[in-house]
Amino acid sequence: MIPKGASARAIPVDDFLAAIGEQLDRAQDALAIKARTGRPLTWALKEFKIALQVFVEIDAQGQVLWRSAGPNESGASTVNLDFTTITRPMIEENTYSALDEADGRSIDQIGGADLSDDERVRLRRLGVRNVGQLKRLAPRERLDSVGDAVNIPVGKLEAMLRASSRPTVQRHEVVKKGSETLLRIQGANLTDGINTEVRLAGEPVEVLDATPDSLLVRPMEHHTSGQIEVMTAGERATSFFRLPSTSGHGAGTGNASSGSASSGGTGSKEMPS
């Protein structure tokens, strides 16, 4: 355990490994530049080993932390790290990428189940870190098995699934298309593929394009700010929008705040005419 009053900061193990990986990547980038200058490469890392004297603890979120032992400190653990090389096929075959998830929202963003911090930690240790992974457990028999494995009532997992399927507005941005000012609303479960209704400041507006994580709508000329309401599949999500406040919806941005989602900011970008 980390001694009380320790002056050095304990860091998560994954942050430590990520920092080493970043520096090794920079070294590889430098070698690639060096090779292009025509200078021969004269060395390579065959094995990379580190022996650390550290104090180890686990925080309330289940993270393993460690701190390097200082001079004359006793009782530290010895951790040996060996780095080796892996190939691209090994990465593609054996690793998981959150970028491949259709819904990468963290389970920490999903309410409705009243999970304790300890229960969320147990789910993450089982490999369930985002909504996409949770939804793959949808059949009841799988939820029963998961609940038994991590000692979480299956009713809580079902509540999480229901909450994760509701529409959520997270942010919005202004999109310029020629002389038109459009609004892109981003979030999750924003359409069921059949019918999606959007209201700005209480008035229905035209939906030009709809995907589960994005809606493109056409505000009316007088719209400058107000509530966003998205209705789909019998559910409703709300947030707040702000458009540029000149007569032609000119330059300017605002910040979004949401009653059913996290706050987000607005931006502005051009869209092909």
Protein backbone atom coordinates (compact mmCIF):
# COMPACT_ATOMS: atom_id res chain seq x y z
CA MET A 1 0.00 0.00 0.00
CA ILE A 2 1.09 3.60 -0.56
CA PRO A 3 2.41 5.01 2.72
CA LYS A 4 0.42 7.86 4.29
CA GLY A 5 1.82 11.28 3.59
CA ALA A 6 3.67 10.14 0.48
CA SER A 7 4.76 13.17 -1.52
CA ALA A 8 4.92 11.52 -4.93
CA ARG A 9 1.72 11.03 -6.90
CA ALA A 10 0.41 7.54 -7.52
CA ILE A 11 -0.65 6.95 -11.14
CA PRO A 12 -2.88 4.35 -12.82
CA VAL A 13 -0.96 1.46 -14.33
CA ASP A 14 -2.62 1.96 -17.73
CA ASP A 15 -1.50 5.62 -17.81
CA PHE A 16 2.08 4.50 -17.10
CA LEU A 17 2.01 1.91 -19.90
CA ALA A 18 0.34 4.34 -22.31
CA ALA A 19 3.08 6.92 -21.64
CA ILE A 20 5.80 4.35 -22.41
CA GLY A 21 3.94 3.30 -25.55
CA GLU A 22 3.67 6.91 -26.71
CA GLN A 23 7.40 7.46 -26.31
CA LEU A 24 8.22 4.23 -28.13
CA ASP A 25 5.92 5.39 -30.96
CA ARG A 26 7.82 8.68 -31.12
CA ALA A 27 11.11 6.78 -31.30
CA GLN A 28 9.72 4.71 -34.17
CA ASP A 29 8.60 7.88 -35.98
CA ALA A 30 12.08 9.36 -35.56
CA LEU A 31 13.67 6.19 -36.97
CA ALA A 32 11.33 6.35 -39.98
CA ILE A 33 12.46 9.93 -40.69
CA LYS A 34 16.07 8.93 -40.20
CA ALA A 35 15.70 6.11 -42.74
CA ARG A 36 14.30 8.55 -45.31
CA THR A 37 17.36 10.79 -44.95
CA GLY A 38 19.49 7.96 -46.30
CA ARG A 39 21.35 7.25 -43.08
CA PRO A 40 21.59 3.51 -42.32
CA LEU A 41 19.74 2.24 -39.24
CA THR A 42 22.38 0.83 -36.91
CA TRP A 43 20.35 -0.39 -33.92
CA ALA A 44 17.03 -1.92 -32.89
CA LEU A 45 15.32 -2.91 -29.65
CA LYS A 46 15.25 -6.68 -29.31
CA GLU A 47 14.05 -6.79 -25.73
CA PHE A 48 12.91 -3.98 -23.47
CA LYS A 49 12.75 -4.78 -19.75
CA ILE A 50 11.98 -2.59 -16.76
CA ALA A 51 12.25 -3.52 -13.08
CA LEU A 52 10.26 -1.17 -10.84
CA GLN A 53 10.18 -0.76 -7.09
CA VAL A 54 6.66 0.47 -6.42
CA PHE A 55 3.94 0.76 -3.81
CA VAL A 56 0.60 -0.53 -5.11
CA GLU A 57 -3.03 0.19 -4.19
CA ILE A 58 -6.53 -0.08 -5.69
CA ASP A 59 -8.78 3.00 -5.61
CA ALA A 60 -12.57 3.18 -5.18
CA GLN A 61 -13.09 2.86 -8.97
CA GLY A 62 -11.14 -0.39 -9.11
CA GLN A 63 -8.05 1.13 -10.75
CA VAL A 64 -4.64 -0.27 -9.85
CA LEU A 65 -2.33 2.62 -8.92
CA TRP A 66 1.37 2.60 -8.18
CA ARG A 67 4.07 4.97 -7.02
CA SER A 68 7.81 4.58 -7.40
CA ALA A 69 9.57 3.93 -4.12
CA GLY A 70 11.68 6.81 -2.87
CA PRO A 71 15.16 6.66 -1.34
CA ASN A 72 15.34 4.56 1.84
CA GLU A 73 11.66 3.49 1.58
CA SER A 74 11.15 -0.16 2.45
CA GLY A 75 8.32 -2.57 1.72
CA ALA A 76 7.99 -1.77 -1.98
CA SER A 77 6.97 -4.47 -4.49
CA THR A 78 9.18 -5.37 -7.43
CA VAL A 79 7.37 -5.26 -10.77
CA ASN A 80 9.13 -6.61 -13.87
CA LEU A 81 7.85 -5.45 -17.25
CA ASP A 82 8.99 -7.12 -20.49
CA PHE A 83 8.04 -5.55 -23.82
CA THR A 84 8.05 -7.48 -27.07
CA THR A 85 6.93 -6.83 -30.64
CA ILE A 86 3.59 -7.71 -32.17
CA THR A 87 2.48 -7.67 -35.79
CA ARG A 88 -0.54 -6.03 -37.34
CA PRO A 89 -2.31 -9.39 -37.97
CA MET A 90 -1.88 -10.18 -34.26
CA ILE A 91 -3.51 -6.88 -33.34
CA GLU A 92 -6.41 -7.34 -35.77
CA GLU A 93 -7.03 -10.93 -34.68
CA ASN A 94 -6.70 -10.60 -30.93
CA THR A 95 -7.64 -7.09 -29.83
CA TYR A 96 -10.91 -5.24 -29.36
CA SER A 97 -11.43 -1.69 -30.66
CA ALA A 98 -14.06 0.64 -29.19
CA LEU A 99 -14.04 2.38 -32.58
CA ASP A 100 -15.92 -0.61 -34.01
CA GLU A 101 -18.89 -0.17 -31.69
CA ALA A 102 -22.12 1.21 -33.11
CA ASP A 103 -22.81 2.75 -29.69
CA GLY A 104 -19.60 3.57 -27.84
CA ARG A 105 -21.19 5.50 -24.94
CA SER A 106 -19.72 4.54 -21.59
CA ILE A 107 -21.99 2.59 -19.26
CA ASP A 108 -21.29 5.37 -16.74
CA GLN A 109 -23.42 7.68 -18.93
CA ILE A 110 -26.47 5.41 -18.69
CA GLY A 111 -28.91 6.03 -15.88
CA GLY A 112 -32.10 4.24 -14.97
CA ALA A 113 -30.55 1.19 -13.28
CA ASP A 114 -29.26 2.69 -10.02
CA LEU A 115 -26.06 0.65 -10.23
CA SER A 116 -23.60 1.24 -7.42
CA ASP A 117 -20.00 2.25 -8.19
CA ASP A 118 -18.89 -1.22 -7.14
CA GLU A 119 -21.36 -2.88 -9.54
CA ARG A 120 -20.13 -0.71 -12.42
CA VAL A 121 -16.54 -1.69 -11.61
CA ARG A 122 -17.53 -5.37 -11.67
CA LEU A 123 -19.20 -4.94 -15.07
CA ARG A 124 -16.10 -3.23 -16.50
CA ARG A 125 -13.89 -6.03 -15.22
CA LEU A 126 -16.15 -8.47 -17.06
CA GLY A 127 -15.46 -6.50 -20.27
CA VAL A 128 -18.70 -4.49 -20.39
CA ARG A 129 -17.52 -0.89 -20.67
CA ASN A 130 -19.86 0.66 -23.23
CA VAL A 131 -23.44 0.44 -24.45
CA GLY A 132 -22.54 -1.59 -27.55
CA GLN A 133 -21.05 -4.33 -25.38
CA LEU A 134 -24.05 -4.21 -23.05
CA LYS A 135 -26.51 -4.60 -25.94
CA ARG A 136 -24.76 -7.76 -27.11
CA LEU A 137 -25.95 -9.30 -23.83
CA ALA A 138 -29.60 -8.54 -24.65
CA PRO A 139 -31.11 -12.10 -24.56
CA ARG A 140 -32.48 -12.86 -21.10
CA GLU A 141 -30.42 -16.03 -20.65
CA ARG A 142 -27.21 -14.06 -21.21
CA LEU A 143 -28.24 -11.38 -18.73
CA ASP A 144 -28.94 -14.07 -16.15
CA SER A 145 -25.44 -15.48 -16.65
CA VAL A 146 -23.83 -12.05 -16.45
CA GLY A 147 -25.81 -11.15 -13.34
CA ASP A 148 -24.74 -14.37 -11.64
CA ALA A 149 -21.10 -13.85 -12.65
CA VAL A 150 -20.83 -10.35 -11.17
CA ASN A 151 -23.56 -10.58 -8.50
CA ILE A 152 -25.83 -7.91 -10.04
CA PRO A 153 -29.63 -8.40 -10.09
CA VAL A 154 -30.77 -9.08 -13.65
CA GLY A 155 -33.48 -6.44 -13.21
CA LYS A 156 -30.79 -3.76 -12.96
CA LEU A 157 -29.17 -4.94 -16.19
CA GLU A 158 -32.55 -4.91 -17.96
CA ALA A 159 -33.15 -1.37 -16.68
CA MET A 160 -29.78 -0.32 -18.09
CA LEU A 161 -30.67 -1.81 -21.47
CA ARG A 162 -34.00 0.03 -21.53
CA ALA A 163 -32.32 3.31 -20.55
CA SER A 164 -29.60 2.85 -23.19
CA SER A 165 -32.26 2.49 -25.92
CA ARG A 166 -33.96 5.82 -25.21
CA PRO A 167 -33.17 8.82 -27.43
CA THR A 168 -30.49 11.12 -26.06
CA VAL A 169 -29.40 14.55 -27.30
CA GLN A 170 -25.75 15.24 -26.51
CA ARG A 171 -24.71 18.25 -28.60
CA HIS A 172 -25.53 20.32 -31.67
CA GLU A 173 -23.70 22.32 -34.32
CA VAL A 174 -24.58 24.93 -36.91
CA VAL A 175 -24.16 23.79 -40.52
CA LYS A 176 -23.98 26.33 -43.35
CA LYS A 177 -25.32 25.23 -46.76
CA GLY A 178 -25.09 28.11 -49.18
CA SER A 179 -27.20 30.90 -47.67
CA GLU A 180 -29.06 28.46 -45.43
CA THR A 181 -28.35 27.82 -41.76
CA LEU A 182 -29.12 24.26 -40.70
CA LEU A 183 -28.78 22.56 -37.34
CA ARG A 184 -27.18 19.16 -36.78
CA ILE A 185 -28.33 17.43 -33.60
CA GLN A 186 -26.07 14.64 -32.33
CA GLY A 187 -26.74 11.94 -29.77
CA ALA A 188 -27.99 8.36 -29.66
CA ASN A 189 -31.18 6.52 -30.71
CA LEU A 190 -32.41 9.66 -32.49
CA THR A 191 -34.51 7.76 -35.03
CA ASP A 192 -36.25 4.43 -35.33
CA GLY A 193 -35.99 4.54 -39.12
CA ILE A 194 -39.72 5.24 -39.48
CA ASN A 195 -40.77 8.47 -37.86
CA THR A 196 -38.78 11.16 -36.06
CA GLU A 197 -40.25 14.50 -35.03
CA VAL A 198 -38.11 17.47 -34.01
CA ARG A 199 -39.33 20.68 -32.39
CA LEU A 200 -37.24 23.80 -31.88
CA ALA A 201 -38.58 26.25 -29.28
CA GLY A 202 -41.88 24.32 -29.34
CA GLU A 203 -42.35 24.43 -33.13
CA PRO A 204 -42.00 21.42 -35.49
CA VAL A 205 -39.17 21.76 -38.02
CA GLU A 206 -38.24 19.81 -41.14
CA VAL A 207 -35.91 16.83 -40.68
CA LEU A 208 -33.63 16.69 -43.73
CA ASP A 209 -31.57 13.65 -42.74
CA ALA A 210 -31.85 11.16 -39.92
CA THR A 211 -29.50 8.51 -38.55
CA PRO A 212 -29.46 6.97 -35.06
CA ASP A 213 -26.67 9.32 -33.93
CA SER A 214 -27.39 12.46 -35.99
CA LEU A 215 -30.31 14.57 -37.24
CA LEU A 216 -30.05 17.42 -39.72
CA VAL A 217 -32.94 19.88 -39.39
CA ARG A 218 -33.96 23.20 -40.97
CA PRO A 219 -34.72 25.87 -38.34
CA MET A 220 -37.23 28.62 -39.13
CA GLU A 221 -35.95 32.11 -39.83
CA HIS A 222 -36.96 33.43 -36.40
CA HIS A 223 -35.32 30.65 -34.41
CA THR A 224 -32.38 31.81 -32.34
CA SER A 225 -32.48 29.74 -29.14
CA GLY A 226 -34.74 27.49 -27.12
CA GLN A 227 -35.48 23.88 -26.36
CA ILE A 228 -34.69 20.99 -28.69
CA GLU A 229 -37.24 18.19 -28.53
CA VAL A 230 -36.73 14.91 -30.36
CA MET A 231 -39.62 12.43 -30.38
CA THR A 232 -39.09 8.93 -31.76
CA ALA A 233 -40.41 5.42 -31.00
CA GLY A 234 -42.70 6.86 -28.33
CA GLU A 235 -39.80 8.40 -26.41
CA ARG A 236 -38.71 12.03 -25.99
CA ALA A 237 -35.30 13.65 -25.50
CA THR A 238 -34.62 17.33 -24.84
CA SER A 239 -31.72 19.74 -24.89
CA PHE A 240 -31.12 23.43 -25.56
CA PHE A 241 -30.00 25.09 -28.80
CA ARG A 242 -28.58 28.48 -29.68
CA LEU A 243 -28.19 29.76 -33.24
CA PRO A 244 -26.27 32.82 -34.47
CA SER A 245 -28.46 35.78 -33.59
CA THR A 246 -28.05 38.11 -36.58
CA SER A 247 -30.82 38.63 -39.10
CA GLY A 248 -29.25 36.16 -41.50
CA HIS A 249 -28.19 33.72 -38.81
CA GLY A 250 -24.68 35.14 -39.09
CA ALA A 251 -21.52 34.37 -37.17
CA GLY A 252 -21.65 33.25 -33.59
CA THR A 253 -21.99 30.13 -31.54
CA GLY A 254 -23.61 29.06 -28.31
CA ASN A 255 -23.38 26.32 -25.73
CA ALA A 256 -25.94 23.56 -25.47
CA SER A 257 -27.31 22.25 -22.21
CA SER A 258 -29.47 19.19 -21.97
CA GLY A 259 -32.16 17.92 -19.68
CA SER A 260 -31.65 14.33 -20.79
CA ALA A 261 -28.03 14.34 -21.91
CA SER A 262 -24.66 15.85 -21.14
CA SER A 263 -23.93 19.42 -22.13
CA GLY A 264 -22.33 20.11 -25.46
CA GLY A 265 -21.15 23.07 -27.48
CA THR A 266 -22.02 24.39 -30.87
CA GLY A 267 -19.74 24.75 -33.79
CA SER A 268 -20.16 25.85 -37.34
CA LYS A 269 -19.10 24.19 -40.54
CA GLU A 270 -19.73 24.48 -44.23
CA MET A 271 -21.81 21.91 -46.10
CA PRO A 272 -21.61 21.42 -49.88
CA SER A 273 -24.41 23.23 -51.69
